[in-house]
Amino acid sequence: MTLTVRVVSPDKTVWDATAEEVILPSTTGQLGILSGHAPLLTALDTAVMRVRPSQKSDWVAIALMGGFAEVENDEVTILVNGAERGESIDLEQARSAYTEAEARVNQVQGGNRQEQIQATQALKRARARFQAAGGMA
């Protein structure tokens, strides 16, 4: 049995294919989804989801920028604010963005609360892109 997986962002469909397994970054932790999973609706964190298209293939990493996932009748529908497949992300650019975001978080500590929140969100986005591209952050 397989799952039908769709990852949809406001500007494009990032993934629309079958898969054997999906690992979702929910706001309460990682969720593994296999065929026959109970119905589920969950909020997603800004992090990396992983999809395994078939038993013999490698995992595909997709950076998600927060959203929601619904699982029902072997269909996984993921609606997100933004998403990028790992293979389309330049590793060195992602590493640089992550380093800059880390520096900004360290810079605004003890400062304005709004700036801290924005810097932390930027760091989460940069970390997700870096990890999806194959970096180990």
Protein backbone atom coordinates (compact mmCIF):
# COMPACT_ATOMS: atom_id res chain seq x y z
CA MET A 1 0.00 0.00 0.00
CA THR A 2 1.16 3.52 -0.69
CA LEU A 3 0.27 7.01 0.36
CA THR A 4 -0.74 9.84 -1.94
CA VAL A 5 1.25 12.85 -0.77
CA ARG A 6 0.68 16.46 -1.81
CA VAL A 7 2.70 19.43 -0.56
CA VAL A 8 1.07 22.68 -1.62
CA SER A 9 2.38 26.20 -0.99
CA PRO A 10 0.64 29.42 -2.07
CA ASP A 11 2.67 29.68 -5.28
CA LYS A 12 3.23 26.05 -6.34
CA THR A 13 2.77 22.36 -5.72
CA VAL A 14 6.11 21.12 -4.40
CA TRP A 15 5.28 17.39 -4.30
CA ASP A 16 2.38 15.42 -5.76
CA ALA A 17 3.18 11.71 -5.94
CA THR A 18 2.86 8.44 -4.11
CA ALA A 19 5.14 7.48 -1.25
CA GLU A 20 5.78 4.57 1.06
CA GLU A 21 6.46 6.70 4.13
CA VAL A 22 6.42 10.35 5.27
CA ILE A 23 8.00 11.97 8.31
CA LEU A 24 6.33 15.25 9.24
CA PRO A 25 7.73 17.98 11.52
CA SER A 26 4.65 18.66 13.64
CA THR A 27 4.72 21.36 16.29
CA THR A 28 4.76 18.61 18.93
CA GLY A 29 7.52 16.50 17.36
CA GLN A 30 8.22 14.23 14.42
CA LEU A 31 5.32 12.14 13.06
CA GLY A 32 5.86 9.04 10.95
CA ILE A 33 3.05 8.31 8.50
CA LEU A 34 2.56 4.92 6.81
CA SER A 35 -0.40 3.58 4.83
CA GLY A 36 -3.34 2.78 7.06
CA HIS A 37 -2.56 5.68 9.44
CA ALA A 38 -5.47 6.94 11.54
CA PRO A 39 -7.05 10.23 10.43
CA LEU A 40 -5.03 13.17 11.68
CA LEU A 41 -4.90 16.95 11.44
CA THR A 42 -1.75 18.61 12.79
CA ALA A 43 0.08 21.92 12.72
CA LEU A 44 3.52 21.79 11.14
CA ASP A 45 6.66 23.52 12.34
CA THR A 46 9.24 25.27 10.18
CA ALA A 47 11.51 22.29 9.61
CA VAL A 48 12.27 19.45 7.20
CA MET A 49 9.80 16.77 6.15
CA ARG A 50 11.08 13.60 4.57
CA VAL A 51 9.35 11.47 1.94
CA ARG A 52 10.37 7.98 0.83
CA PRO A 53 8.86 7.46 -2.64
CA SER A 54 9.41 3.68 -2.72
CA GLN A 55 11.03 0.92 -0.70
CA LYS A 56 14.22 1.03 -2.77
CA SER A 57 14.65 4.79 -3.12
CA ASP A 58 16.34 7.38 -0.96
CA TRP A 59 14.49 9.85 1.19
CA VAL A 60 13.55 13.20 -0.34
CA ALA A 61 13.93 16.22 1.96
CA ILE A 62 11.52 19.14 1.71
CA ALA A 63 11.96 22.32 3.77
CA LEU A 64 8.56 23.42 5.11
CA MET A 65 7.85 26.92 6.37
CA GLY A 66 5.02 26.05 8.74
CA GLY A 67 1.48 25.02 7.90
CA PHE A 68 -0.88 22.10 8.39
CA ALA A 69 -1.11 18.45 7.41
CA GLU A 70 -4.16 16.25 7.06
CA VAL A 71 -3.98 12.46 6.88
CA GLU A 72 -7.05 10.53 5.81
CA ASN A 73 -7.65 7.39 3.71
CA ASP A 74 -3.96 7.04 2.77
CA GLU A 75 -3.87 10.63 1.51
CA VAL A 76 -1.50 13.14 3.10
CA THR A 77 -2.31 16.74 2.22
CA ILE A 78 0.19 19.33 3.39
CA LEU A 79 -0.66 23.02 3.11
CA VAL A 80 2.28 25.27 3.93
CA ASN A 81 3.32 28.91 3.85
CA GLY A 82 6.35 27.95 1.75
CA ALA A 83 8.30 24.85 0.75
CA GLU A 84 11.41 23.88 -1.19
CA ARG A 85 12.76 20.51 -2.20
CA GLY A 86 16.24 19.90 -0.83
CA GLU A 87 17.79 19.18 -4.22
CA SER A 88 16.76 22.64 -5.48
CA ILE A 89 18.54 24.46 -2.63
CA ASP A 90 22.17 25.53 -3.08
CA LEU A 91 24.05 24.06 -0.08
CA GLU A 92 26.63 26.84 0.20
CA GLN A 93 24.02 29.62 0.01
CA ALA A 94 21.94 27.80 2.62
CA ARG A 95 25.01 27.39 4.88
CA SER A 96 25.80 31.11 4.56
CA ALA A 97 22.20 32.13 5.30
CA TYR A 98 22.15 29.83 8.34
CA THR A 99 25.41 31.30 9.68
CA GLU A 100 24.10 34.85 9.20
CA ALA A 101 20.80 34.00 10.90
CA GLU A 102 22.65 32.48 13.86
CA ALA A 103 24.76 35.62 14.20
CA ARG A 104 21.64 37.80 14.09
CA VAL A 105 19.97 35.78 16.87
CA ASN A 106 23.08 36.19 19.03
CA GLN A 107 23.16 39.89 18.24
CA VAL A 108 19.57 40.68 19.29
CA GLN A 109 19.58 38.73 22.58
CA GLY A 110 18.50 40.99 25.40
CA GLY A 111 17.12 43.51 22.92
CA ASN A 112 13.69 44.22 21.54
CA ARG A 113 11.29 41.25 21.92
CA GLN A 114 9.91 41.71 18.40
CA GLU A 115 13.42 41.61 16.92
CA GLN A 116 14.18 38.45 18.90
CA ILE A 117 11.07 36.73 17.51
CA GLN A 118 11.86 37.76 13.94
CA ALA A 119 15.49 36.64 14.27
CA THR A 120 14.43 33.29 15.73
CA GLN A 121 11.93 32.70 12.91
CA ALA A 122 14.58 33.59 10.32
CA LEU A 123 16.96 31.12 11.98
CA LYS A 124 14.34 28.34 11.86
CA ARG A 125 13.74 29.00 8.13
CA ALA A 126 17.49 29.07 7.40
CA ARG A 127 18.05 25.86 9.42
CA ALA A 128 15.25 24.05 7.57
CA ARG A 129 16.66 25.05 4.15
CA PHE A 130 20.21 24.09 5.20
CA GLN A 131 19.12 20.69 6.53
CA ALA A 132 16.98 19.97 3.47
CA ALA A 133 19.94 20.79 1.21
CA GLY A 134 22.01 18.19 3.05
CA GLY A 135 23.73 20.33 5.69
CA MET A 136 23.87 19.20 9.28
CA ALA A 137 22.60 22.07 11.41
